[in-house]
Protein backbone atom coordinates (compact mmCIF):
# COMPACT_ATOMS: atom_id res chain seq x y z
CA UNK A 1 -89.26 -159.19 -14.55
CA UNK A 2 -90.40 -161.09 -11.30
CA UNK A 3 -87.96 -162.48 -8.92
CA UNK A 4 -87.98 -166.29 -8.89
CA UNK A 5 -88.18 -166.41 -5.22
CA UNK A 6 -90.86 -164.76 -3.11
CA UNK A 7 -90.21 -161.56 -1.28
CA UNK A 8 -90.27 -163.43 1.80
CA UNK A 9 -88.16 -166.46 1.08
CA UNK A 10 -85.24 -166.51 -1.56
CA UNK A 11 -84.01 -169.55 -3.25
CA UNK A 12 -80.29 -168.85 -1.67
CA UNK A 13 -79.80 -166.26 1.30
CA UNK A 14 -79.25 -162.84 0.08
CA UNK A 15 -79.53 -163.30 -3.68
CA UNK A 16 -82.51 -163.44 -5.99
CA UNK A 17 -82.60 -165.35 -9.00
CA UNK A 18 -81.98 -162.52 -11.55
CA UNK A 19 -79.70 -160.34 -9.17
CA UNK A 20 -76.08 -159.86 -9.75
CA UNK A 21 -73.70 -162.17 -8.30
CA UNK A 22 -71.98 -161.01 -5.06
CA UNK A 23 -68.20 -160.14 -5.61
CA UNK A 24 -65.77 -162.70 -4.80
CA UNK A 25 -62.72 -161.96 -2.34
CA UNK A 26 -59.29 -162.33 -4.17
CA UNK A 27 -55.59 -162.46 -2.74
CA UNK A 28 -52.79 -160.29 -4.18
CA UNK A 29 -49.37 -162.00 -4.31
CA UNK A 30 -46.44 -160.17 -2.74
CA UNK A 31 -43.76 -159.49 -5.18
CA UNK A 32 -40.47 -161.49 -4.39
CA UNK A 33 -37.25 -159.54 -4.74
CA UNK A 34 -34.10 -161.30 -5.13
CA UNK A 35 -31.17 -159.96 -2.99
CA UNK A 36 -27.57 -160.65 -4.22
CA UNK A 37 -25.48 -157.44 -3.46
CA UNK A 38 -22.89 -158.35 -6.18
CA UNK A 39 -21.06 -155.23 -6.09
CA UNK A 40 -20.50 -155.57 -2.31
CA UNK A 41 -18.71 -158.82 -2.89
CA UNK A 42 -14.81 -159.18 -3.34
CA UNK A 43 -13.77 -160.91 -6.39
CA UNK A 44 -13.13 -164.09 -4.51
CA UNK A 45 -16.39 -163.95 -2.85
CA UNK A 46 -18.29 -163.46 -6.03
CA UNK A 47 -16.71 -166.67 -7.54
CA UNK A 48 -17.72 -168.54 -4.41
CA UNK A 49 -21.14 -167.01 -4.70
CA UNK A 50 -21.66 -168.09 -8.30
CA UNK A 51 -20.39 -171.60 -7.67
CA UNK A 52 -22.71 -172.07 -4.84
CA UNK A 53 -25.54 -170.81 -7.06
CA UNK A 54 -24.66 -173.14 -9.84
CA UNK A 55 -24.54 -176.07 -7.61
CA UNK A 56 -27.97 -175.17 -6.10
CA UNK A 57 -29.59 -174.87 -9.39
CA UNK A 58 -28.36 -178.13 -10.72
CA UNK A 59 -31.35 -180.51 -10.84
CA UNK A 60 -33.46 -178.10 -9.05
CA UNK A 61 -37.21 -178.84 -9.91
CA UNK A 62 -38.29 -175.40 -9.09
CA UNK A 63 -36.38 -173.90 -11.97
CA UNK A 64 -36.27 -176.19 -14.93
CA UNK A 65 -35.57 -173.52 -17.56
CA UNK A 66 -33.17 -171.04 -16.24
CA UNK A 67 -31.98 -168.14 -18.36
CA UNK A 68 -29.08 -168.07 -19.05
CA UNK A 69 -29.32 -171.93 -19.38
CA UNK A 70 -26.86 -174.23 -17.44
CA UNK A 71 -24.21 -174.44 -20.33
CA UNK A 72 -24.18 -170.60 -20.71
CA UNK A 73 -23.85 -169.98 -17.09
CA UNK A 74 -21.19 -172.49 -16.63
CA UNK A 75 -19.11 -171.02 -19.49
CA UNK A 76 -19.31 -167.36 -18.07
CA UNK A 77 -18.55 -168.62 -14.55
CA UNK A 78 -15.58 -170.59 -15.87
CA UNK A 79 -14.24 -167.67 -17.84
CA UNK A 80 -14.31 -165.37 -14.81
CA UNK A 81 -12.72 -168.24 -12.74
CA UNK A 82 -9.92 -168.43 -15.22
CA UNK A 83 -9.48 -164.59 -15.40
CA UNK A 84 -9.34 -164.31 -11.67
CA UNK A 85 -6.84 -166.95 -11.29
CA UNK A 86 -4.63 -165.20 -13.91
CA UNK A 87 -5.13 -161.90 -12.28
CA UNK A 88 -4.08 -163.40 -8.73
CA UNK A 89 -1.07 -164.88 -10.38
CA UNK A 90 -0.09 -161.56 -11.84
CA UNK A 91 -0.43 -159.64 -8.60
CA UNK A 92 1.68 -162.10 -6.73
CA UNK A 93 4.38 -161.75 -9.73
CA UNK A 94 4.05 -157.93 -9.40
CA UNK A 95 4.69 -157.93 -5.46
CA UNK A 96 7.79 -160.29 -6.04
CA UNK A 97 9.24 -158.21 -8.75
CA UNK A 98 8.62 -155.12 -6.58
CA UNK A 99 10.42 -156.68 -3.87
CA UNK A 100 13.29 -157.69 -6.18
CA UNK A 101 13.46 -154.10 -7.60
CA UNK A 102 13.47 -152.31 -4.32
CA UNK A 103 16.42 -154.70 -3.16
CA UNK A 104 18.34 -154.02 -6.22
CA UNK A 105 17.82 -150.19 -6.05
CA UNK A 106 19.04 -150.31 -2.52
CA UNK A 107 22.05 -151.93 -3.60
CA UNK A 108 22.84 -149.61 -6.38
CA UNK A 109 22.02 -146.53 -4.10
CA UNK A 110 24.58 -147.81 -1.71
CA UNK A 111 27.26 -148.36 -4.45
CA UNK A 112 26.56 -144.86 -5.77
CA UNK A 113 26.99 -143.31 -2.42
CA UNK A 114 30.22 -145.22 -1.81
CA UNK A 115 31.50 -143.81 -5.33
CA UNK A 116 30.47 -140.33 -4.17
CA UNK A 117 32.35 -140.57 -0.93
CA UNK A 118 35.39 -141.77 -2.88
CA UNK A 119 35.19 -138.84 -5.43
CA UNK A 120 34.76 -136.41 -2.67
CA UNK A 121 37.77 -137.60 -0.64
CA UNK A 122 40.12 -137.55 -3.64
CA UNK A 123 42.93 -135.42 -3.18
CA UNK A 124 42.83 -132.05 -5.09
CA UNK A 125 39.01 -132.59 -5.79
CA UNK A 126 37.22 -129.52 -7.51
CA UNK A 127 33.82 -129.04 -8.68
CA UNK A 128 34.91 -129.48 -12.29
CA UNK A 129 36.47 -132.96 -11.33
CA UNK A 130 33.20 -133.91 -9.45
CA UNK A 131 31.14 -133.02 -12.56
CA UNK A 132 33.43 -135.02 -14.62
CA UNK A 133 32.48 -138.07 -12.60
CA UNK A 134 28.96 -137.60 -13.62
CA UNK A 135 27.95 -135.98 -10.23
CA UNK A 136 26.62 -132.69 -9.32
CA UNK A 137 28.08 -130.25 -6.70
CA UNK A 138 25.91 -129.31 -3.89
CA UNK A 139 25.60 -125.44 -3.55
CA UNK A 140 26.88 -123.89 -0.57
CA UNK A 141 24.78 -121.20 0.94
CA UNK A 142 26.26 -117.94 2.26
CA UNK A 143 26.10 -117.84 5.98
CA UNK A 144 23.57 -115.70 7.47
CA UNK A 145 24.46 -112.13 8.28
CA UNK A 146 23.03 -110.14 11.28
CA UNK A 147 20.01 -108.18 10.30
CA UNK A 148 20.05 -104.22 10.16
CA UNK A 149 18.44 -102.01 12.42
CA UNK A 150 14.58 -101.93 12.95
CA UNK A 151 13.07 -98.94 11.43
CA UNK A 152 9.99 -97.02 12.24
CA UNK A 153 9.10 -98.31 15.62
CA UNK A 154 5.84 -96.64 16.97
CA UNK A 155 3.44 -97.20 20.01
CA UNK A 156 -0.21 -96.89 20.10
CA UNK A 157 -2.99 -97.39 22.68
CA UNK A 158 -3.83 -100.99 23.34
CA UNK A 159 -7.45 -102.46 23.58
CA UNK A 160 -7.49 -102.16 27.36
CA UNK A 161 -6.14 -99.82 29.96
CA UNK A 162 -2.37 -100.50 30.73
CA UNK A 163 -1.88 -101.87 27.25
CA UNK A 164 0.21 -100.64 24.20
CA UNK A 165 0.45 -101.95 20.73
CA UNK A 166 3.99 -101.77 19.43
CA UNK A 167 4.74 -102.12 15.48
CA UNK A 168 7.85 -101.47 13.24
CA UNK A 169 8.77 -102.08 9.58
CA UNK A 170 9.95 -105.82 8.65
CA UNK A 171 13.77 -105.99 8.81
CA UNK A 172 15.20 -107.93 5.74
CA UNK A 173 16.89 -111.21 6.84
CA UNK A 174 15.12 -111.24 10.21
CA UNK A 175 13.51 -114.18 11.61
CA UNK A 176 12.66 -112.86 15.17
CA UNK A 177 12.51 -109.71 17.08
CA UNK A 178 13.03 -108.56 20.61
CA UNK A 179 11.36 -105.55 22.12
CA UNK A 180 12.36 -103.82 25.60
CA UNK A 181 10.46 -101.35 27.54
CA UNK A 182 11.74 -98.92 30.11
CA UNK A 183 10.43 -96.12 32.33
CA UNK A 184 13.61 -93.99 31.17
CA UNK A 185 14.83 -93.56 27.73
CA UNK A 186 18.48 -94.56 28.82
CA UNK A 187 17.45 -98.06 29.40
CA UNK A 188 19.76 -98.31 32.43
CA UNK A 189 17.41 -99.58 35.03
CA UNK A 190 13.88 -101.21 34.97
CA UNK A 191 14.19 -102.79 31.67
CA UNK A 192 11.28 -105.01 30.67
CA UNK A 193 11.99 -107.55 27.90
CA UNK A 194 9.00 -108.86 25.97
CA UNK A 195 8.73 -112.34 24.60
CA UNK A 196 10.38 -112.54 21.32
CA UNK A 197 8.16 -112.54 18.23
CA UNK A 198 8.56 -113.46 14.46
CA UNK A 199 6.22 -110.70 13.17
CA UNK A 200 7.05 -107.11 13.15
CA UNK A 201 4.47 -106.30 15.96
CA UNK A 202 3.86 -107.21 19.56
CA UNK A 203 1.54 -106.17 22.48
CA UNK A 204 2.54 -105.09 26.04
CA UNK A 205 -0.05 -105.32 28.84
CA UNK A 206 -0.34 -104.81 32.68
CA UNK A 207 1.54 -101.41 32.51
CA UNK A 208 0.76 -98.60 34.93
CA UNK A 209 -1.79 -96.29 33.44
CA UNK A 210 -0.61 -92.70 33.14
CA UNK A 211 3.14 -93.33 33.23
CA UNK A 212 5.43 -92.78 30.18
CA UNK A 213 7.08 -95.69 28.72
CA UNK A 214 9.95 -95.87 26.14
CA UNK A 215 10.45 -98.79 23.84
CA UNK A 216 13.18 -100.17 21.56
CA UNK A 217 13.33 -103.27 19.32
CA UNK A 218 16.19 -105.20 17.45
CA UNK A 219 15.95 -107.93 14.76
CA UNK A 220 17.84 -111.28 14.75
CA UNK A 221 18.38 -114.42 12.97
CA UNK A 222 20.86 -117.48 13.19
CA UNK A 223 24.01 -115.17 12.86
CA UNK A 224 22.41 -113.12 15.90
CA UNK A 225 20.88 -109.77 16.54
CA UNK A 226 21.50 -106.41 14.99
CA UNK A 227 21.60 -103.04 16.78
CA UNK A 228 18.83 -101.65 18.84
CA UNK A 229 16.33 -99.25 17.07
CA UNK A 230 15.83 -95.47 17.95
CA UNK A 231 13.58 -95.40 21.08
CA UNK A 232 9.70 -94.54 20.78
CA UNK A 233 7.78 -93.17 23.59
CA UNK A 234 4.11 -93.00 24.89
CA UNK A 235 1.98 -92.40 27.98
CA UNK A 236 0.23 -95.61 28.93
CA UNK A 237 -3.44 -95.35 28.58
């Protein structure tokens, strides 16, 4: 089919009579996202936010048929307002009740303490009499006894020159141990006392390599220290 226009002159620029129309440009509308952050709001802030929204929507020509409608929204907002007020009142009542309970408990504890002191100070009081008053008798612990002798003391070479590792068997009832070193087995002079330890081992350092050292240990607790162990000896590496 022949063009309406001549090859050298067209009816309208760039388009012949029977040609396809040129594409028309179009705009893409950006999606609007409503931001509310409802879960980040406190109970009170949520109510204020809802009230402000409700006021802003009343008579708003931009939104003539909201969902839910004004009546439904007002009912939901009103129910939350009522529930929140009841919750706050209950919280205040609970705080007041807690204060009153704590005050009453302190008074009762004081009265019971004074009753206990009275019972304890009664002439001829016995555990059976204390129990007859509805009280219990505090158990009395046996006083600590001095630990026995440390056993199986032995010395081994330390990790560095001039050092010794010292170990022994744990002693029943012991809470701490003391170890002494000496260049003579009689422990008469030149005695070196190492820092006390709570475990059944310790380390000696800075000793003269090639010299013979004797060691002894004893165990202690609140009642005192037990006897010294048999001596152990080794040449310092």
